Amino acid sequence: MFVVLCAAVAGVSIPQNGDVRLMDGSSLRGRVEVYNSSRGVWGTVCYNTATAEQNWERGAARAICRQLGWADAVTVASVSQLK
C-alpha cells in the first residue's frame, strides 16, 4: 500500500467536506456534486423530477449558487434539461 501526501499548488484549492461544484455544464450551470472528505470523492446530488418540488426547493439551489459565489439561482432543472 502506498500513502501519498501531495503539496497544494499556489492558487489551487483543495476540496473540503461539504464543498459543492457544478459538473457537465459550465461555471453557471451543471449537475450538483458535493465533496465527501471521509471518502475523498465527489457525489452527485439526486434530483427526481417527479418529486422535485418536495425534495429540491429553489432555496437549496439559491444556497448552492451563493456558495459558488453567484448572486442567485435562476432555475432548477433535471440533468436531461441541461443538454
N, C-alpha and C. Protein backbone atom coordinates (compact mmCIF):
# COMPACT_ATOMS: atom_id res chain seq x y z
N MET A 1 0.84 -1.16 0.00
CA MET A 1 0.00 0.00 0.00
C MET A 1 0.89 1.23 0.00
N PHE A 2 0.53 2.20 -0.80
CA PHE A 2 1.26 3.47 -0.86
C PHE A 2 0.40 4.56 -0.27
N VAL A 3 0.99 5.41 0.49
CA VAL A 3 0.33 6.59 1.03
C VAL A 3 1.07 7.79 0.47
N VAL A 4 0.33 8.69 -0.14
CA VAL A 4 0.94 9.86 -0.77
C VAL A 4 0.32 11.10 -0.18
N LEU A 5 1.14 12.05 0.19
CA LEU A 5 0.68 13.36 0.63
C LEU A 5 1.21 14.37 -0.36
N CYS A 6 0.30 15.04 -1.04
CA CYS A 6 0.70 16.00 -2.06
C CYS A 6 0.63 17.41 -1.51
N ALA A 7 1.52 18.24 -1.98
CA ALA A 7 1.52 19.65 -1.60
C ALA A 7 0.59 20.41 -2.53
N ALA A 8 -0.12 21.37 -1.99
CA ALA A 8 -1.02 22.18 -2.80
C ALA A 8 -0.21 23.14 -3.66
N VAL A 9 -0.69 23.37 -4.86
CA VAL A 9 -0.09 24.35 -5.77
C VAL A 9 -0.73 25.69 -5.47
N ALA A 10 0.05 26.75 -5.47
CA ALA A 10 -0.49 28.08 -5.21
C ALA A 10 -1.65 28.37 -6.15
N GLY A 11 -2.75 28.83 -5.59
CA GLY A 11 -3.92 29.16 -6.39
C GLY A 11 -4.86 28.00 -6.64
N VAL A 12 -4.47 26.80 -6.23
CA VAL A 12 -5.32 25.62 -6.41
C VAL A 12 -5.94 25.28 -5.07
N SER A 13 -7.26 25.20 -5.03
CA SER A 13 -7.92 24.90 -3.76
C SER A 13 -8.11 23.40 -3.60
N ILE A 14 -7.97 22.95 -2.38
CA ILE A 14 -8.20 21.55 -2.05
C ILE A 14 -9.61 21.45 -1.51
N PRO A 15 -10.44 20.54 -2.06
CA PRO A 15 -11.83 20.48 -1.60
C PRO A 15 -11.94 20.09 -0.13
N GLN A 16 -12.90 20.69 0.53
CA GLN A 16 -13.20 20.40 1.93
C GLN A 16 -14.55 19.70 2.00
N ASN A 17 -14.80 18.98 3.07
CA ASN A 17 -16.06 18.28 3.23
C ASN A 17 -17.24 19.24 3.07
N GLY A 18 -18.19 18.87 2.23
CA GLY A 18 -19.37 19.69 2.02
C GLY A 18 -19.26 20.71 0.90
N ASP A 19 -18.05 20.85 0.32
CA ASP A 19 -17.91 21.77 -0.82
C ASP A 19 -18.82 21.31 -1.95
N VAL A 20 -19.28 22.25 -2.75
CA VAL A 20 -20.12 21.92 -3.89
C VAL A 20 -19.45 22.39 -5.17
N ARG A 21 -19.82 21.73 -6.28
CA ARG A 21 -19.35 22.14 -7.60
C ARG A 21 -20.41 21.77 -8.63
N LEU A 22 -20.30 22.40 -9.79
CA LEU A 22 -21.19 22.11 -10.90
C LEU A 22 -20.40 21.36 -11.97
N MET A 23 -20.93 20.26 -12.46
CA MET A 23 -20.25 19.44 -13.46
C MET A 23 -21.14 19.25 -14.69
N ASP A 24 -20.50 18.90 -15.80
CA ASP A 24 -21.20 18.60 -17.06
C ASP A 24 -22.06 19.76 -17.53
N GLY A 25 -21.57 20.95 -17.39
CA GLY A 25 -22.29 22.14 -17.83
C GLY A 25 -21.31 23.26 -18.04
N SER A 26 -21.39 24.27 -17.19
CA SER A 26 -20.47 25.40 -17.24
C SER A 26 -20.28 25.92 -15.82
N SER A 27 -19.61 27.04 -15.68
CA SER A 27 -19.43 27.60 -14.34
C SER A 27 -20.75 28.14 -13.79
N LEU A 28 -21.74 28.32 -14.67
CA LEU A 28 -23.04 28.86 -14.26
C LEU A 28 -24.13 27.81 -14.11
N ARG A 29 -23.96 26.66 -14.72
CA ARG A 29 -24.99 25.62 -14.64
C ARG A 29 -24.35 24.25 -14.74
N GLY A 30 -25.00 23.27 -14.16
CA GLY A 30 -24.48 21.92 -14.24
C GLY A 30 -25.06 21.02 -13.17
N ARG A 31 -24.62 19.78 -13.20
CA ARG A 31 -25.03 18.77 -12.22
C ARG A 31 -24.34 19.10 -10.91
N VAL A 32 -25.10 19.11 -9.81
CA VAL A 32 -24.55 19.47 -8.50
C VAL A 32 -23.86 18.27 -7.87
N GLU A 33 -22.62 18.48 -7.42
CA GLU A 33 -21.88 17.46 -6.69
C GLU A 33 -21.42 18.04 -5.36
N VAL A 34 -21.35 17.18 -4.34
CA VAL A 34 -20.89 17.56 -3.01
C VAL A 34 -19.69 16.68 -2.66
N TYR A 35 -18.67 17.29 -2.04
CA TYR A 35 -17.46 16.56 -1.69
C TYR A 35 -17.60 15.87 -0.33
N ASN A 36 -17.22 14.59 -0.27
CA ASN A 36 -17.22 13.80 0.96
C ASN A 36 -15.77 13.55 1.32
N SER A 37 -15.25 14.29 2.30
CA SER A 37 -13.83 14.20 2.63
C SER A 37 -13.44 12.87 3.28
N SER A 38 -14.38 12.21 3.95
CA SER A 38 -14.03 10.94 4.59
C SER A 38 -13.77 9.85 3.55
N ARG A 39 -14.37 9.98 2.37
CA ARG A 39 -14.14 9.01 1.30
C ARG A 39 -13.25 9.57 0.20
N GLY A 40 -13.07 10.89 0.20
CA GLY A 40 -12.24 11.52 -0.82
C GLY A 40 -12.87 11.52 -2.20
N VAL A 41 -14.21 11.59 -2.24
CA VAL A 41 -14.90 11.55 -3.53
C VAL A 41 -15.98 12.62 -3.62
N TRP A 42 -16.33 12.97 -4.85
CA TRP A 42 -17.45 13.86 -5.12
C TRP A 42 -18.66 12.99 -5.43
N GLY A 43 -19.83 13.36 -4.93
CA GLY A 43 -21.05 12.60 -5.19
C GLY A 43 -22.13 13.51 -5.74
N THR A 44 -22.91 12.98 -6.66
CA THR A 44 -23.98 13.73 -7.29
C THR A 44 -25.17 13.86 -6.37
N VAL A 45 -25.74 15.04 -6.33
CA VAL A 45 -26.98 15.27 -5.58
C VAL A 45 -28.12 14.80 -6.48
N CYS A 46 -28.93 13.88 -5.98
CA CYS A 46 -30.02 13.32 -6.79
C CYS A 46 -31.15 14.33 -6.97
N TYR A 47 -31.76 14.27 -8.12
CA TYR A 47 -32.87 15.16 -8.47
C TYR A 47 -33.91 14.32 -9.17
N ASN A 48 -35.06 14.17 -8.56
CA ASN A 48 -36.16 13.37 -9.12
C ASN A 48 -37.23 14.34 -9.61
N THR A 49 -37.42 14.40 -10.93
CA THR A 49 -38.36 15.38 -11.49
C THR A 49 -39.79 15.14 -11.03
N ALA A 50 -40.12 13.92 -10.67
CA ALA A 50 -41.49 13.62 -10.23
C ALA A 50 -41.79 14.24 -8.87
N THR A 51 -40.76 14.39 -8.04
CA THR A 51 -40.96 14.92 -6.70
C THR A 51 -40.06 16.13 -6.44
N ALA A 52 -39.66 16.81 -7.50
CA ALA A 52 -38.70 17.91 -7.38
C ALA A 52 -39.16 18.99 -6.42
N GLU A 53 -40.43 19.32 -6.43
CA GLU A 53 -40.90 20.39 -5.56
C GLU A 53 -40.77 20.02 -4.09
N GLN A 54 -40.87 18.73 -3.79
CA GLN A 54 -40.77 18.28 -2.41
C GLN A 54 -39.31 18.15 -1.97
N ASN A 55 -38.43 17.69 -2.87
CA ASN A 55 -37.07 17.35 -2.49
C ASN A 55 -36.03 18.42 -2.81
N TRP A 56 -36.32 19.28 -3.72
CA TRP A 56 -35.30 20.23 -4.15
C TRP A 56 -35.95 21.58 -4.35
N GLU A 57 -35.93 22.38 -3.33
CA GLU A 57 -36.56 23.68 -3.39
C GLU A 57 -35.61 24.70 -4.00
N ARG A 58 -36.19 25.76 -4.49
CA ARG A 58 -35.39 26.85 -5.06
C ARG A 58 -34.41 27.40 -4.01
N GLY A 59 -34.80 27.36 -2.76
CA GLY A 59 -33.92 27.83 -1.69
C GLY A 59 -32.62 27.06 -1.63
N ALA A 60 -32.69 25.74 -1.86
CA ALA A 60 -31.47 24.92 -1.86
C ALA A 60 -30.59 25.31 -3.04
N ALA A 61 -31.21 25.51 -4.20
CA ALA A 61 -30.45 25.92 -5.39
C ALA A 61 -29.83 27.30 -5.16
N ARG A 62 -30.57 28.17 -4.53
CA ARG A 62 -30.08 29.52 -4.22
C ARG A 62 -28.86 29.43 -3.30
N ALA A 63 -28.92 28.57 -2.29
CA ALA A 63 -27.80 28.40 -1.35
C ALA A 63 -26.56 27.88 -2.07
N ILE A 64 -26.73 26.93 -2.97
CA ILE A 64 -25.60 26.38 -3.72
C ILE A 64 -24.98 27.45 -4.61
N CYS A 65 -25.82 28.20 -5.32
CA CYS A 65 -25.30 29.26 -6.18
C CYS A 65 -24.51 30.29 -5.37
N ARG A 66 -25.02 30.64 -4.22
CA ARG A 66 -24.32 31.62 -3.38
C ARG A 66 -23.02 31.05 -2.83
N GLN A 67 -23.01 29.76 -2.51
CA GLN A 67 -21.78 29.13 -2.03
C GLN A 67 -20.72 29.14 -3.12
N LEU A 68 -21.16 29.10 -4.38
CA LEU A 68 -20.23 29.13 -5.50
C LEU A 68 -19.85 30.55 -5.91
N GLY A 69 -20.41 31.54 -5.21
CA GLY A 69 -20.05 32.92 -5.49
C GLY A 69 -20.98 33.66 -6.43
N TRP A 70 -22.10 33.05 -6.80
CA TRP A 70 -23.07 33.68 -7.68
C TRP A 70 -24.16 34.36 -6.85
N ALA A 71 -24.87 35.30 -7.46
CA ALA A 71 -25.86 36.10 -6.74
C ALA A 71 -27.13 35.31 -6.40
N ASP A 72 -27.59 34.46 -7.29
CA ASP A 72 -28.89 33.80 -7.08
C ASP A 72 -29.03 32.63 -8.03
N ALA A 73 -30.03 31.79 -7.80
CA ALA A 73 -30.38 30.70 -8.71
C ALA A 73 -31.45 31.17 -9.66
N VAL A 74 -31.29 30.86 -10.92
CA VAL A 74 -32.28 31.26 -11.92
C VAL A 74 -33.34 30.19 -12.06
N THR A 75 -32.92 28.93 -12.10
CA THR A 75 -33.86 27.83 -12.25
C THR A 75 -33.26 26.55 -11.72
N VAL A 76 -34.09 25.55 -11.47
CA VAL A 76 -33.67 24.22 -11.09
C VAL A 76 -34.21 23.29 -12.16
N ALA A 77 -33.35 22.44 -12.71
CA ALA A 77 -33.76 21.56 -13.81
C ALA A 77 -33.11 20.20 -13.65
N SER A 78 -33.63 19.22 -14.36
CA SER A 78 -33.01 17.90 -14.37
C SER A 78 -31.81 17.95 -15.30
N VAL A 79 -30.91 16.98 -15.16
CA VAL A 79 -29.70 16.93 -15.99
C VAL A 79 -30.07 16.87 -17.47
N SER A 80 -31.12 16.12 -17.82
CA SER A 80 -31.51 16.00 -19.23
C SER A 80 -31.94 17.35 -19.79
N GLN A 81 -32.42 18.26 -18.96
CA GLN A 81 -32.83 19.57 -19.44
C GLN A 81 -31.64 20.48 -19.69
N LEU A 82 -30.46 20.13 -19.18
CA LEU A 82 -29.27 20.94 -19.38
C LEU A 82 -28.66 20.75 -20.75
N LYS A 83 -28.93 19.63 -21.38
CA LYS A 83 -28.29 19.30 -22.65
C LYS A 83 -29.02 19.86 -23.84
